[in-house]
N, C-alpha and C. Protein backbone atom coordinates (compact mmCIF):
# COMPACT_ATOMS: atom_id res chain seq x y z
N MET A 1 -20.32 6.00 -25.71
CA MET A 1 -19.48 7.38 -26.22
C MET A 1 -18.04 6.47 -25.91
N LEU A 2 -17.77 6.90 -27.05
CA LEU A 2 -15.80 6.90 -26.87
C LEU A 2 -15.01 7.59 -26.85
N CYS A 3 -14.81 7.71 -25.10
CA CYS A 3 -13.62 8.82 -24.66
C CYS A 3 -12.34 8.72 -25.18
N VAL A 4 -11.53 9.51 -25.72
CA VAL A 4 -10.18 9.42 -26.42
C VAL A 4 -9.21 10.34 -25.58
N PHE A 5 -8.58 9.77 -24.74
CA PHE A 5 -7.85 10.55 -23.64
C PHE A 5 -6.46 10.92 -24.51
N ASP A 6 -5.93 12.31 -24.47
CA ASP A 6 -4.00 12.27 -24.29
C ASP A 6 -4.04 12.09 -23.13
N VAL A 7 -2.47 11.91 -23.09
CA VAL A 7 -2.03 11.10 -21.91
C VAL A 7 -1.09 12.56 -21.34
N ASN A 8 0.25 12.75 -21.64
CA ASN A 8 1.15 13.43 -21.21
C ASN A 8 0.61 15.08 -20.50
N GLU A 9 0.29 15.07 -19.62
CA GLU A 9 -0.43 16.33 -19.17
C GLU A 9 -2.02 16.16 -18.67
N THR A 10 -3.19 16.12 -19.33
CA THR A 10 -4.17 15.65 -19.59
C THR A 10 -4.41 14.37 -18.44
N LEU A 11 -3.54 13.21 -18.35
CA LEU A 11 -3.64 11.71 -17.43
C LEU A 11 -2.57 12.09 -16.77
N LEU A 12 -1.22 12.51 -17.06
CA LEU A 12 -0.25 12.22 -15.89
C LEU A 12 0.60 13.76 -15.78
N ASP A 13 1.32 14.18 -14.82
CA ASP A 13 1.69 14.86 -13.97
C ASP A 13 2.85 14.99 -14.42
N LEU A 14 2.94 16.08 -15.50
CA LEU A 14 4.58 16.46 -15.57
C LEU A 14 4.86 16.84 -14.65
N ALA A 15 4.61 17.73 -13.47
CA ALA A 15 6.27 17.97 -12.54
C ALA A 15 6.89 17.08 -11.98
N ALA A 16 6.33 16.02 -12.10
CA ALA A 16 7.67 15.06 -11.45
C ALA A 16 8.55 15.08 -12.38
N MET A 17 8.66 15.50 -13.81
CA MET A 17 9.90 15.90 -14.41
C MET A 17 10.93 16.86 -13.89
N ASP A 18 10.24 17.81 -12.85
CA ASP A 18 11.38 19.08 -12.33
C ASP A 18 12.47 19.16 -11.85
N ALA A 19 13.21 18.20 -10.96
CA ALA A 19 13.96 17.81 -10.68
C ALA A 19 15.06 17.45 -11.40
N THR A 20 14.69 16.72 -12.87
CA THR A 20 15.19 15.89 -13.73
C THR A 20 15.86 17.20 -14.70
N ILE A 21 14.31 17.88 -14.56
CA ILE A 21 14.58 19.08 -16.10
C ILE A 21 15.22 20.51 -15.37
N GLY A 22 15.30 20.65 -14.44
CA GLY A 22 15.85 21.90 -14.01
C GLY A 22 14.83 22.64 -12.89
N GLY A 23 13.60 22.48 -12.62
CA GLY A 23 12.31 23.14 -11.92
C GLY A 23 11.42 23.56 -12.91
N PRO A 24 10.15 24.02 -12.40
CA PRO A 24 8.81 24.08 -13.11
C PRO A 24 9.51 24.90 -14.25
N GLU A 25 9.91 25.93 -14.02
CA GLU A 25 10.01 26.50 -15.47
C GLU A 25 11.03 26.26 -16.72
N LEU A 26 12.25 25.67 -16.02
CA LEU A 26 12.59 24.61 -16.85
C LEU A 26 11.86 23.58 -18.02
N ARG A 27 10.98 23.09 -16.75
CA ARG A 27 10.26 21.89 -17.38
C ARG A 27 9.16 22.75 -18.73
N ARG A 28 8.33 23.57 -17.57
CA ARG A 28 7.05 23.98 -19.16
C ARG A 28 7.90 24.82 -20.32
N GLU A 29 9.54 25.21 -20.05
CA GLU A 29 9.71 25.61 -21.11
C GLU A 29 10.27 24.37 -22.25
N TRP A 30 10.98 23.22 -22.02
CA TRP A 30 11.17 22.44 -22.12
C TRP A 30 10.12 21.32 -22.94
N PHE A 31 8.55 21.44 -22.66
CA PHE A 31 7.91 20.75 -22.74
C PHE A 31 7.22 21.80 -24.10
N GLY A 32 7.42 23.11 -23.60
CA GLY A 32 6.80 24.18 -24.79
C GLY A 32 7.91 23.51 -25.98
N LEU A 33 8.70 23.58 -26.04
CA LEU A 33 9.45 23.36 -26.95
C LEU A 33 9.20 22.12 -27.98
N ALA A 34 9.37 21.20 -26.86
CA ALA A 34 8.76 20.06 -27.70
C ALA A 34 7.71 19.99 -28.73
N ILE A 35 6.35 20.35 -27.95
CA ILE A 35 5.22 20.63 -28.85
C ILE A 35 5.31 21.61 -29.72
N HIS A 36 6.50 22.39 -29.99
CA HIS A 36 6.54 23.63 -31.05
C HIS A 36 7.07 23.33 -31.92
N THR A 37 7.82 21.84 -31.84
CA THR A 37 8.47 20.94 -32.46
C THR A 37 7.57 20.02 -33.37
N VAL A 38 6.76 19.57 -32.18
CA VAL A 38 5.69 18.64 -32.93
C VAL A 38 5.03 19.40 -33.49
N LEU A 39 4.65 20.66 -33.58
CA LEU A 39 3.33 21.57 -34.54
C LEU A 39 4.17 21.69 -35.70
N THR A 40 5.70 22.01 -35.52
CA THR A 40 6.35 22.63 -37.06
C THR A 40 6.58 21.23 -37.77
N VAL A 41 6.99 20.06 -37.40
CA VAL A 41 6.68 19.14 -38.00
C VAL A 41 5.68 18.59 -38.99
N THR A 42 4.14 18.26 -38.14
CA THR A 42 3.34 18.17 -38.18
C THR A 42 2.81 19.19 -39.63
N ALA A 43 2.98 20.33 -39.66
CA ALA A 43 1.99 21.33 -40.45
C ALA A 43 3.29 21.32 -41.51
N THR A 44 4.63 20.44 -41.32
CA THR A 44 5.56 20.79 -43.05
C THR A 44 5.24 19.54 -43.43
N GLY A 45 4.32 18.39 -42.61
CA GLY A 45 3.62 17.62 -43.39
C GLY A 45 4.79 15.86 -43.53
N GLY A 46 6.20 16.31 -41.95
CA GLY A 46 6.62 15.11 -41.71
C GLY A 46 6.24 14.37 -40.32
N TYR A 47 7.51 13.44 -40.15
CA TYR A 47 6.80 12.70 -38.81
C TYR A 47 8.19 12.37 -38.44
N ARG A 48 8.01 12.76 -37.01
CA ARG A 48 9.48 12.23 -36.05
C ARG A 48 8.95 11.67 -34.66
N ASP A 49 9.66 11.18 -34.03
CA ASP A 49 9.68 9.70 -33.00
C ASP A 49 9.22 11.09 -31.91
N PHE A 50 8.25 10.80 -31.18
CA PHE A 50 8.24 12.16 -30.07
C PHE A 50 9.38 12.14 -28.88
N ALA A 51 9.09 10.62 -28.37
CA ALA A 51 10.63 10.61 -27.78
C ALA A 51 11.70 11.25 -28.14
N GLY A 52 12.40 11.00 -29.51
CA GLY A 52 13.59 11.72 -30.02
C GLY A 52 13.53 13.50 -29.37
N ILE A 53 12.23 13.55 -30.18
CA ILE A 53 11.72 15.34 -29.84
C ILE A 53 12.09 15.75 -28.65
N ALA A 54 11.12 15.13 -27.60
CA ALA A 54 11.54 15.33 -26.40
C ALA A 54 12.84 15.18 -26.02
N GLY A 55 14.15 14.14 -25.91
CA GLY A 55 15.45 14.45 -26.18
C GLY A 55 16.05 15.56 -26.15
N ASP A 56 15.81 15.60 -27.78
CA ASP A 56 15.96 16.93 -28.39
C ASP A 56 15.48 18.50 -27.62
N ALA A 57 14.62 18.35 -27.32
CA ALA A 57 14.10 19.95 -26.44
C ALA A 57 15.18 19.88 -25.35
N ALA A 58 14.81 18.92 -24.60
CA ALA A 58 15.85 18.82 -23.15
C ALA A 58 16.90 19.08 -23.46
N ILE A 59 18.33 18.45 -24.68
CA ILE A 59 19.31 19.13 -24.16
C ILE A 59 19.69 20.51 -24.89
N GLU A 60 18.60 21.06 -25.50
CA GLU A 60 18.55 22.36 -26.00
C GLU A 60 18.06 23.58 -24.83
N VAL A 61 17.21 22.73 -24.33
CA VAL A 61 16.99 23.66 -22.92
C VAL A 61 17.66 24.02 -22.23
N ALA A 62 18.83 22.45 -21.79
CA ALA A 62 19.52 22.19 -20.59
C ALA A 62 20.82 23.41 -21.06
N ALA A 63 21.36 23.27 -22.77
CA ALA A 63 22.04 24.44 -23.55
C ALA A 63 21.77 25.65 -22.75
N ARG A 64 20.53 25.84 -23.20
CA ARG A 64 20.28 27.47 -23.25
C ARG A 64 20.63 28.00 -21.57
N HIS A 65 20.62 27.37 -20.68
CA HIS A 65 20.84 27.61 -19.47
C HIS A 65 21.98 27.27 -18.62
N GLY A 66 22.75 26.88 -19.21
CA GLY A 66 23.85 26.54 -19.33
C GLY A 66 24.13 25.31 -17.90
N ARG A 67 23.43 24.01 -18.83
CA ARG A 67 23.32 22.87 -17.79
C ARG A 67 23.37 21.87 -18.46
N GLU A 68 23.26 20.56 -18.18
CA GLU A 68 23.48 19.53 -18.84
C GLU A 68 22.23 18.13 -18.33
N VAL A 69 22.00 17.82 -19.36
CA VAL A 69 20.68 17.01 -18.84
C VAL A 69 21.24 15.57 -19.15
N ASP A 70 20.59 14.29 -18.17
CA ASP A 70 20.84 12.56 -18.60
C ASP A 70 20.10 12.50 -19.73
N LEU A 71 19.81 12.05 -20.79
CA LEU A 71 18.70 12.06 -21.53
C LEU A 71 17.82 10.03 -21.29
N ALA A 72 18.72 9.67 -20.57
CA ALA A 72 18.72 8.19 -20.20
C ALA A 72 17.50 8.88 -18.57
N GLU A 73 17.43 9.98 -17.81
CA GLU A 73 16.95 9.96 -16.79
C GLU A 73 15.75 10.55 -17.38
N VAL A 74 15.99 11.45 -18.52
CA VAL A 74 14.97 12.21 -18.73
C VAL A 74 13.52 10.58 -19.66
N ALA A 75 14.25 9.80 -20.01
CA ALA A 75 13.33 8.75 -20.68
C ALA A 75 12.99 8.27 -19.48
N ALA A 76 13.63 7.81 -18.20
CA ALA A 76 12.95 7.30 -17.68
C ALA A 76 12.26 8.02 -16.51
N GLY A 77 12.19 8.99 -16.20
CA GLY A 77 11.15 9.84 -15.58
C GLY A 77 9.95 9.96 -16.48
N ILE A 78 9.97 10.31 -17.93
CA ILE A 78 8.59 10.60 -18.43
C ILE A 78 7.94 8.90 -18.92
N ARG A 79 8.51 7.69 -18.25
CA ARG A 79 8.02 6.27 -18.35
C ARG A 79 7.29 6.36 -16.99
N ALA A 80 8.12 7.05 -15.97
CA ALA A 80 7.55 7.00 -14.74
C ALA A 80 6.46 7.95 -14.10
N LEU A 81 6.13 9.04 -15.13
CA LEU A 81 5.33 9.67 -14.47
C LEU A 81 4.21 9.53 -13.89
N PRO A 82 3.64 10.43 -12.52
CA PRO A 82 2.42 9.47 -11.90
C PRO A 82 0.98 10.35 -12.67
N ALA A 83 -0.20 9.47 -12.15
CA ALA A 83 -1.20 10.42 -12.85
C ALA A 83 -1.71 11.29 -12.08
N HIS A 84 -2.71 12.29 -12.16
CA HIS A 84 -2.76 13.67 -11.59
C HIS A 84 -3.67 12.67 -10.56
N PRO A 85 -4.15 13.59 -9.67
CA PRO A 85 -5.07 12.97 -8.60
C PRO A 85 -6.15 12.70 -8.93
N ASP A 86 -6.51 13.86 -9.51
CA ASP A 86 -8.34 13.39 -10.17
C ASP A 86 -8.61 12.27 -11.30
N VAL A 87 -7.38 12.28 -12.07
CA VAL A 87 -7.65 11.00 -13.43
C VAL A 87 -8.22 9.67 -12.42
N GLU A 88 -7.70 8.94 -11.88
CA GLU A 88 -8.42 7.51 -11.60
C GLU A 88 -9.84 7.48 -11.46
N PRO A 89 -10.23 8.85 -10.10
CA PRO A 89 -11.57 8.32 -9.75
C PRO A 89 -12.12 9.06 -11.27
N GLY A 90 -11.51 9.70 -12.53
CA GLY A 90 -12.49 10.13 -13.31
C GLY A 90 -12.76 9.02 -14.31
N LEU A 91 -11.85 8.11 -14.47
CA LEU A 91 -11.86 7.55 -15.52
C LEU A 91 -12.69 6.26 -14.63
N ALA A 92 -13.05 5.94 -13.68
CA ALA A 92 -13.47 5.04 -13.02
C ALA A 92 -15.08 5.47 -13.60
N LYS A 93 -15.21 6.84 -13.00
CA LYS A 93 -16.95 6.66 -13.12
C LYS A 93 -17.40 6.82 -14.81
N LEU A 94 -16.55 7.03 -15.63
CA LEU A 94 -16.53 7.18 -17.06
C LEU A 94 -16.94 5.69 -17.37
N ARG A 95 -16.18 4.70 -17.22
CA ARG A 95 -16.45 3.49 -17.03
C ARG A 95 -17.57 2.89 -16.49
N GLU A 96 -18.44 3.25 -15.09
CA GLU A 96 -19.33 2.89 -14.66
C GLU A 96 -20.71 3.39 -15.61
N LYS A 97 -20.83 4.49 -16.49
CA LYS A 97 -21.33 5.30 -17.01
C LYS A 97 -21.54 4.37 -18.25
N GLY A 98 -20.65 3.48 -18.56
CA GLY A 98 -20.38 2.93 -19.67
C GLY A 98 -19.80 3.25 -20.59
N HIS A 99 -19.08 4.57 -21.09
CA HIS A 99 -18.01 4.50 -21.90
C HIS A 99 -16.86 4.07 -22.07
N THR A 100 -16.86 3.76 -23.59
CA THR A 100 -15.45 3.16 -23.98
C THR A 100 -14.23 4.52 -23.76
N VAL A 101 -13.29 3.75 -22.96
CA VAL A 101 -12.12 4.57 -22.36
C VAL A 101 -10.66 4.24 -23.42
N VAL A 102 -10.28 4.91 -23.72
CA VAL A 102 -8.91 4.75 -24.63
C VAL A 102 -8.14 5.81 -24.63
N ALA A 103 -6.70 6.20 -24.68
CA ALA A 103 -5.90 6.45 -24.97
C ALA A 103 -5.33 6.92 -26.16
N LEU A 104 -4.43 8.22 -26.53
CA LEU A 104 -3.86 8.60 -27.61
C LEU A 104 -3.33 9.20 -27.78
N THR A 105 -1.83 8.98 -27.93
CA THR A 105 -0.45 10.31 -27.45
C THR A 105 0.09 9.93 -28.37
N ASN A 106 1.22 11.28 -29.04
CA ASN A 106 2.11 11.15 -29.57
C ASN A 106 3.13 10.31 -29.06
N SER A 107 3.66 9.77 -27.87
CA SER A 107 4.63 8.69 -27.68
C SER A 107 4.76 7.84 -28.16
N PRO A 108 5.96 7.20 -28.52
CA PRO A 108 5.63 5.78 -29.06
C PRO A 108 4.70 4.87 -28.67
N LEU A 109 4.25 4.13 -29.11
CA LEU A 109 3.20 3.12 -28.18
C LEU A 109 4.03 2.55 -27.00
N ALA A 110 5.12 1.93 -27.09
CA ALA A 110 5.83 1.28 -26.19
C ALA A 110 6.03 2.48 -24.69
N THR A 111 6.49 3.12 -25.05
CA THR A 111 6.45 3.96 -24.22
C THR A 111 5.56 4.61 -23.30
N ALA A 112 4.25 4.55 -24.31
CA ALA A 112 3.16 5.17 -23.79
C ALA A 112 2.90 3.81 -22.72
N GLU A 113 2.33 2.52 -23.57
CA GLU A 113 2.19 1.55 -22.17
C GLU A 113 2.80 1.36 -21.11
N ALA A 114 3.79 1.76 -21.18
CA ALA A 114 4.72 1.61 -20.20
C ALA A 114 4.47 3.06 -19.13
N GLN A 115 4.07 4.07 -19.69
CA GLN A 115 3.47 5.14 -18.56
C GLN A 115 2.47 4.81 -17.58
N LEU A 116 1.17 4.12 -18.99
CA LEU A 116 0.14 3.95 -18.37
C LEU A 116 0.04 3.13 -16.89
N GLN A 117 1.25 2.31 -17.55
CA GLN A 117 1.15 0.46 -16.93
C GLN A 117 1.60 1.39 -14.89
N ASN A 118 2.84 1.97 -15.90
CA ASN A 118 3.26 2.33 -14.24
C ASN A 118 2.48 3.25 -13.57
N ALA A 119 1.84 4.18 -14.23
CA ALA A 119 0.67 4.99 -13.47
C ALA A 119 -0.66 4.41 -13.04
N GLY A 120 -0.33 3.34 -12.89
CA GLY A 120 -1.82 2.36 -12.71
C GLY A 120 -3.49 2.42 -13.11
N LEU A 121 -2.69 3.04 -14.72
CA LEU A 121 -4.40 3.32 -15.34
C LEU A 121 -4.52 2.54 -16.02
N ALA A 122 -3.64 1.51 -16.76
CA ALA A 122 -3.82 0.42 -17.61
C ALA A 122 -5.36 -0.01 -17.53
N PRO A 123 -5.46 -0.87 -16.79
CA PRO A 123 -6.39 -1.48 -16.40
C PRO A 123 -7.63 -0.81 -16.86
N LEU A 124 -7.69 0.68 -16.27
CA LEU A 124 -8.63 1.76 -16.52
C LEU A 124 -9.60 2.05 -18.07
N LEU A 125 -8.26 1.31 -18.90
CA LEU A 125 -8.74 1.81 -20.35
C LEU A 125 -8.63 0.86 -20.77
N ASP A 126 -9.59 0.90 -21.90
CA ASP A 126 -10.00 -0.15 -23.22
C ASP A 126 -8.60 -0.47 -24.13
N ARG A 127 -8.05 0.27 -24.18
CA ARG A 127 -7.18 0.39 -25.37
C ARG A 127 -6.12 1.78 -25.57
N ILE A 128 -4.63 1.66 -26.29
CA ILE A 128 -3.83 2.63 -25.72
C ILE A 128 -3.32 2.38 -27.42
N PHE A 129 -3.52 3.79 -28.14
CA PHE A 129 -3.21 4.48 -29.39
C PHE A 129 -2.31 5.20 -29.28
N SER A 130 -1.43 4.73 -30.60
CA SER A 130 0.29 5.79 -30.52
C SER A 130 -0.19 6.70 -32.15
N ALA A 131 0.43 8.25 -31.91
CA ALA A 131 0.39 9.07 -33.70
C ALA A 131 1.24 7.45 -34.30
N GLU A 132 2.57 6.89 -33.43
CA GLU A 132 2.99 6.38 -34.37
C GLU A 132 3.13 5.34 -35.07
N GLN A 133 1.86 4.37 -35.01
CA GLN A 133 0.93 3.96 -35.75
C GLN A 133 0.75 4.34 -36.77
N VAL A 134 0.35 5.09 -37.25
CA VAL A 134 -0.30 6.35 -38.74
C VAL A 134 0.98 6.47 -38.87
N GLY A 135 2.05 7.02 -38.21
CA GLY A 135 3.06 7.98 -38.67
C GLY A 135 3.00 9.64 -38.86
N ARG A 136 2.16 9.95 -37.85
CA ARG A 136 2.09 11.48 -38.05
C ARG A 136 2.03 11.89 -36.68
N LEU A 137 2.04 12.89 -36.54
CA LEU A 137 1.82 13.40 -35.03
C LEU A 137 0.59 14.10 -34.74
N LYS A 138 -0.02 14.12 -34.05
CA LYS A 138 -1.27 15.27 -33.48
C LYS A 138 -0.98 16.66 -33.66
N PRO A 139 -1.50 17.70 -33.94
CA PRO A 139 -2.76 17.51 -34.44
C PRO A 139 -3.08 17.26 -36.01
N ALA A 140 -2.69 16.88 -36.44
CA ALA A 140 -2.44 15.60 -37.72
C ALA A 140 -4.05 14.85 -37.78
N PRO A 141 -4.55 15.06 -38.70
CA PRO A 141 -6.35 14.07 -39.07
C PRO A 141 -5.93 12.31 -38.54
N GLU A 142 -5.04 12.16 -39.09
CA GLU A 142 -4.54 10.48 -39.09
C GLU A 142 -4.73 10.12 -37.57
N PRO A 143 -4.08 10.62 -36.79
CA PRO A 143 -4.22 9.77 -35.55
C PRO A 143 -5.92 9.69 -34.64
N TYR A 144 -6.46 10.48 -35.07
CA TYR A 144 -7.43 10.32 -34.32
C TYR A 144 -8.64 9.46 -34.89
N ARG A 145 -8.22 9.63 -36.77
CA ARG A 145 -9.24 8.77 -37.31
C ARG A 145 -8.67 7.52 -36.86
N GLN A 146 -7.73 6.85 -36.55
CA GLN A 146 -7.47 5.81 -36.58
C GLN A 146 -8.29 5.42 -35.53
N VAL A 147 -8.62 5.96 -34.57
CA VAL A 147 -9.38 5.45 -33.18
C VAL A 147 -10.57 5.35 -33.81
N VAL A 148 -11.15 6.69 -34.27
CA VAL A 148 -12.25 6.16 -34.71
C VAL A 148 -12.46 5.25 -34.94
N ALA A 149 -11.92 4.93 -36.34
CA ALA A 149 -11.94 3.82 -37.41
C ALA A 149 -11.92 2.54 -36.54
N ALA A 150 -11.56 2.50 -35.53
CA ALA A 150 -11.01 1.37 -34.67
C ALA A 150 -12.56 0.95 -33.35
N TYR A 151 -13.87 1.93 -33.56
CA TYR A 151 -14.88 1.94 -32.86
C TYR A 151 -16.04 2.39 -33.93
N PRO A 152 -16.41 1.56 -35.01
CA PRO A 152 -17.12 2.47 -36.18
C PRO A 152 -18.49 2.38 -35.44
N GLY A 153 -19.42 3.94 -35.66
CA GLY A 153 -19.89 4.31 -35.12
C GLY A 153 -20.52 4.85 -33.75
N GLU A 154 -19.37 4.88 -33.23
CA GLU A 154 -19.41 5.26 -32.15
C GLU A 154 -19.20 6.87 -32.02
N ARG A 155 -19.87 7.14 -31.30
CA ARG A 155 -20.10 9.02 -30.78
C ARG A 155 -18.58 9.17 -30.41
N ALA A 156 -17.47 9.83 -30.62
CA ALA A 156 -16.12 10.06 -30.02
C ALA A 156 -16.14 11.43 -29.44
N VAL A 157 -15.17 11.99 -28.42
CA VAL A 157 -14.98 12.71 -28.06
C VAL A 157 -13.80 12.85 -27.30
N LEU A 158 -12.49 13.68 -27.76
CA LEU A 158 -11.51 13.88 -27.41
C LEU A 158 -11.07 14.64 -26.39
N ILE A 159 -10.37 14.19 -25.50
CA ILE A 159 -10.80 15.03 -23.54
C ILE A 159 -9.00 15.20 -23.82
N ALA A 160 -8.66 16.31 -23.71
CA ALA A 160 -7.46 16.83 -23.54
C ALA A 160 -7.15 18.11 -22.82
N ALA A 161 -6.31 18.36 -22.39
CA ALA A 161 -5.71 19.21 -21.24
C ALA A 161 -4.42 20.52 -22.41
N HIS A 162 -4.83 20.54 -23.47
CA HIS A 162 -4.69 21.36 -24.62
C HIS A 162 -5.12 22.06 -25.65
N ASP A 163 -4.85 23.20 -25.60
CA ASP A 163 -6.06 23.54 -26.88
C ASP A 163 -5.07 23.25 -27.91
N TRP A 164 -4.17 22.51 -28.65
CA TRP A 164 -3.95 22.67 -29.97
C TRP A 164 -4.10 21.49 -30.48
N ASP A 165 -4.72 20.15 -29.11
CA ASP A 165 -4.86 19.00 -29.27
C ASP A 165 -6.76 19.28 -29.85
N ILE A 166 -6.93 19.97 -28.50
CA ILE A 166 -8.69 20.54 -28.92
C ILE A 166 -9.25 20.52 -31.00
N ALA A 167 -8.05 21.55 -30.83
CA ALA A 167 -8.37 22.35 -32.65
C ALA A 167 -8.00 20.75 -33.11
N GLY A 168 -7.36 20.18 -33.32
CA GLY A 168 -6.84 18.72 -33.99
C GLY A 168 -8.15 18.18 -33.83
N ALA A 169 -8.61 17.44 -33.02
CA ALA A 169 -9.61 16.93 -33.04
C ALA A 169 -10.78 17.10 -33.49
N GLN A 170 -11.39 18.83 -33.12
CA GLN A 170 -12.25 19.55 -33.70
C GLN A 170 -11.77 19.21 -35.66
N ALA A 171 -10.85 19.14 -35.98
CA ALA A 171 -11.12 19.92 -37.67
C ALA A 171 -10.98 18.09 -37.93
N ALA A 172 -10.59 17.30 -37.06
CA ALA A 172 -11.12 15.50 -37.65
C ALA A 172 -12.26 15.15 -37.83
N GLY A 173 -13.29 15.77 -36.93
CA GLY A 173 -15.05 15.73 -36.84
C GLY A 173 -14.86 15.46 -35.67
N LEU A 174 -14.43 15.16 -34.36
CA LEU A 174 -14.71 14.60 -32.90
C LEU A 174 -14.89 15.58 -32.40
N GLU A 175 -15.85 14.99 -31.53
CA GLU A 175 -16.17 16.17 -30.89
C GLU A 175 -15.10 16.09 -29.53
N THR A 176 -15.28 17.32 -28.60
CA THR A 176 -14.26 17.73 -27.93
C THR A 176 -14.70 18.37 -26.26
N ALA A 177 -13.60 17.92 -25.54
CA ALA A 177 -13.92 18.28 -24.44
C ALA A 177 -12.76 18.89 -23.73
N LEU A 178 -12.07 19.97 -23.32
CA LEU A 178 -10.82 20.75 -22.40
C LEU A 178 -10.63 20.45 -20.85
N LEU A 179 -10.05 19.81 -20.66
CA LEU A 179 -10.02 19.65 -19.46
C LEU A 179 -8.82 20.71 -18.84
N THR A 180 -9.87 22.10 -18.28
CA THR A 180 -8.93 23.24 -18.14
C THR A 180 -7.94 22.99 -16.70
N ARG A 181 -7.67 22.45 -16.48
CA ARG A 181 -5.87 22.21 -15.76
C ARG A 181 -5.99 24.08 -15.12
N PRO A 182 -4.59 23.93 -14.09
CA PRO A 182 -4.09 25.65 -14.16
C PRO A 182 -3.34 26.08 -15.46
N GLY A 183 -4.21 27.34 -15.92
CA GLY A 183 -3.51 27.67 -16.89
C GLY A 183 -4.11 27.12 -18.54
N VAL A 184 -4.82 26.45 -18.69
CA VAL A 184 -5.24 25.72 -19.42
C VAL A 184 -6.54 26.88 -20.10
N HIS A 185 -6.51 26.92 -21.48
CA HIS A 185 -7.73 28.07 -21.94
C HIS A 185 -7.61 27.40 -23.59
N PRO A 186 -9.07 27.75 -23.99
CA PRO A 186 -9.43 27.71 -25.30
C PRO A 186 -8.46 28.22 -25.76
N LEU A 187 -8.29 27.71 -27.27
CA LEU A 187 -7.36 28.24 -28.36
C LEU A 187 -8.26 29.52 -28.74
N PRO A 188 -7.84 30.86 -28.86
CA PRO A 188 -8.32 31.77 -28.65
C PRO A 188 -8.90 31.97 -30.37
N GLY A 189 -9.95 32.14 -31.04
CA GLY A 189 -10.63 32.26 -31.93
C GLY A 189 -10.57 31.18 -32.45
N SER A 190 -10.54 30.31 -31.83
CA SER A 190 -10.97 28.55 -32.66
C SER A 190 -12.45 28.14 -32.19
N PRO A 191 -13.54 27.46 -32.28
CA PRO A 191 -15.26 26.89 -32.07
C PRO A 191 -14.47 26.78 -30.43
N ALA A 192 -15.28 26.70 -29.84
CA ALA A 192 -15.55 26.47 -28.40
C ALA A 192 -15.62 25.01 -28.09
N PRO A 193 -14.89 23.99 -27.21
CA PRO A 193 -14.97 22.90 -27.40
C PRO A 193 -16.19 22.39 -26.79
N THR A 194 -16.32 21.13 -27.61
CA THR A 194 -18.00 20.51 -26.89
C THR A 194 -18.45 20.78 -25.23
N TYR A 195 -17.29 20.62 -24.25
CA TYR A 195 -17.65 20.30 -22.87
C TYR A 195 -15.82 21.00 -22.39
N THR A 196 -16.45 21.80 -21.54
CA THR A 196 -15.42 21.46 -21.21
C THR A 196 -15.46 21.56 -18.40
N ALA A 197 -13.96 21.22 -18.38
CA ALA A 197 -14.76 21.29 -16.83
C ALA A 197 -12.77 21.42 -16.21
N PRO A 198 -13.02 21.73 -14.77
CA PRO A 198 -11.44 21.62 -14.49
C PRO A 198 -11.23 19.97 -13.92
N THR A 199 -11.46 19.40 -13.86
CA THR A 199 -11.43 18.47 -13.49
C THR A 199 -12.26 17.00 -13.75
N LEU A 200 -11.71 15.52 -14.05
CA LEU A 200 -11.82 14.70 -14.53
C LEU A 200 -13.07 14.51 -14.31
N PRO A 201 -13.10 14.09 -12.92
CA PRO A 201 -14.49 13.39 -12.02
C PRO A 201 -15.59 14.96 -12.65
N GLU A 202 -15.54 15.81 -12.66
CA GLU A 202 -16.53 16.72 -12.96
C GLU A 202 -16.86 16.51 -14.74
N LEU A 203 -16.09 16.33 -15.78
CA LEU A 203 -16.24 16.43 -16.46
C LEU A 203 -17.17 15.24 -16.95
N ALA A 204 -16.72 14.03 -16.21
CA ALA A 204 -17.47 12.79 -16.67
C ALA A 204 -19.01 12.54 -16.38
N GLU A 205 -19.13 14.07 -15.25
CA GLU A 205 -20.71 14.24 -15.33
C GLU A 205 -21.64 14.28 -16.07
N LEU A 206 -20.65 15.05 -17.09
CA LEU A 206 -21.24 15.93 -18.75
C LEU A 206 -21.97 15.01 -19.42
N LEU A 207 -20.23 13.95 -19.33
CA LEU A 207 -20.53 13.16 -20.64
C LEU A 207 -21.45 11.53 -20.27
């Protein structure tokens, strides 16, 4: 099976950005605004570099709260995110079972490669894909389709901790697995994910 992983929040822990952004509440507001922007840009048929979106969102959220933010620190923090504790054993288990394991992210390819290398996950991945390569952000179908096209004939499952990412992959014809980290729930009114589990090792047992 081709296991296609989202990166930010699915593999990597954004809580490490709390000090840079201004605490957990502001960090959640920041990333929520970034994703809202991604969804708006995608729905209106456009494309923007996700790194730029994240930077603009950081500036906006800081301004809302009378703060300032250093974009260089934001960029450095994003590249240095640690993996969630369950990720390395989960990826290892998937590889032991013979699955192909790749990453698919909205982040620019260079950023994603640095993130996964710094987090120690790159050796556990067969390949890293970016939405940048097709000029469309997830949940548009093009990013998912580019991965599937690179592995013709393989059954593919998108693994993510985001309901919108699950919906995008479903629409593109992939199977889906929702990683129900704290606060993560299926998208109301949408088809249920093919698989659901709270940790990656538990999910690996289902695949």
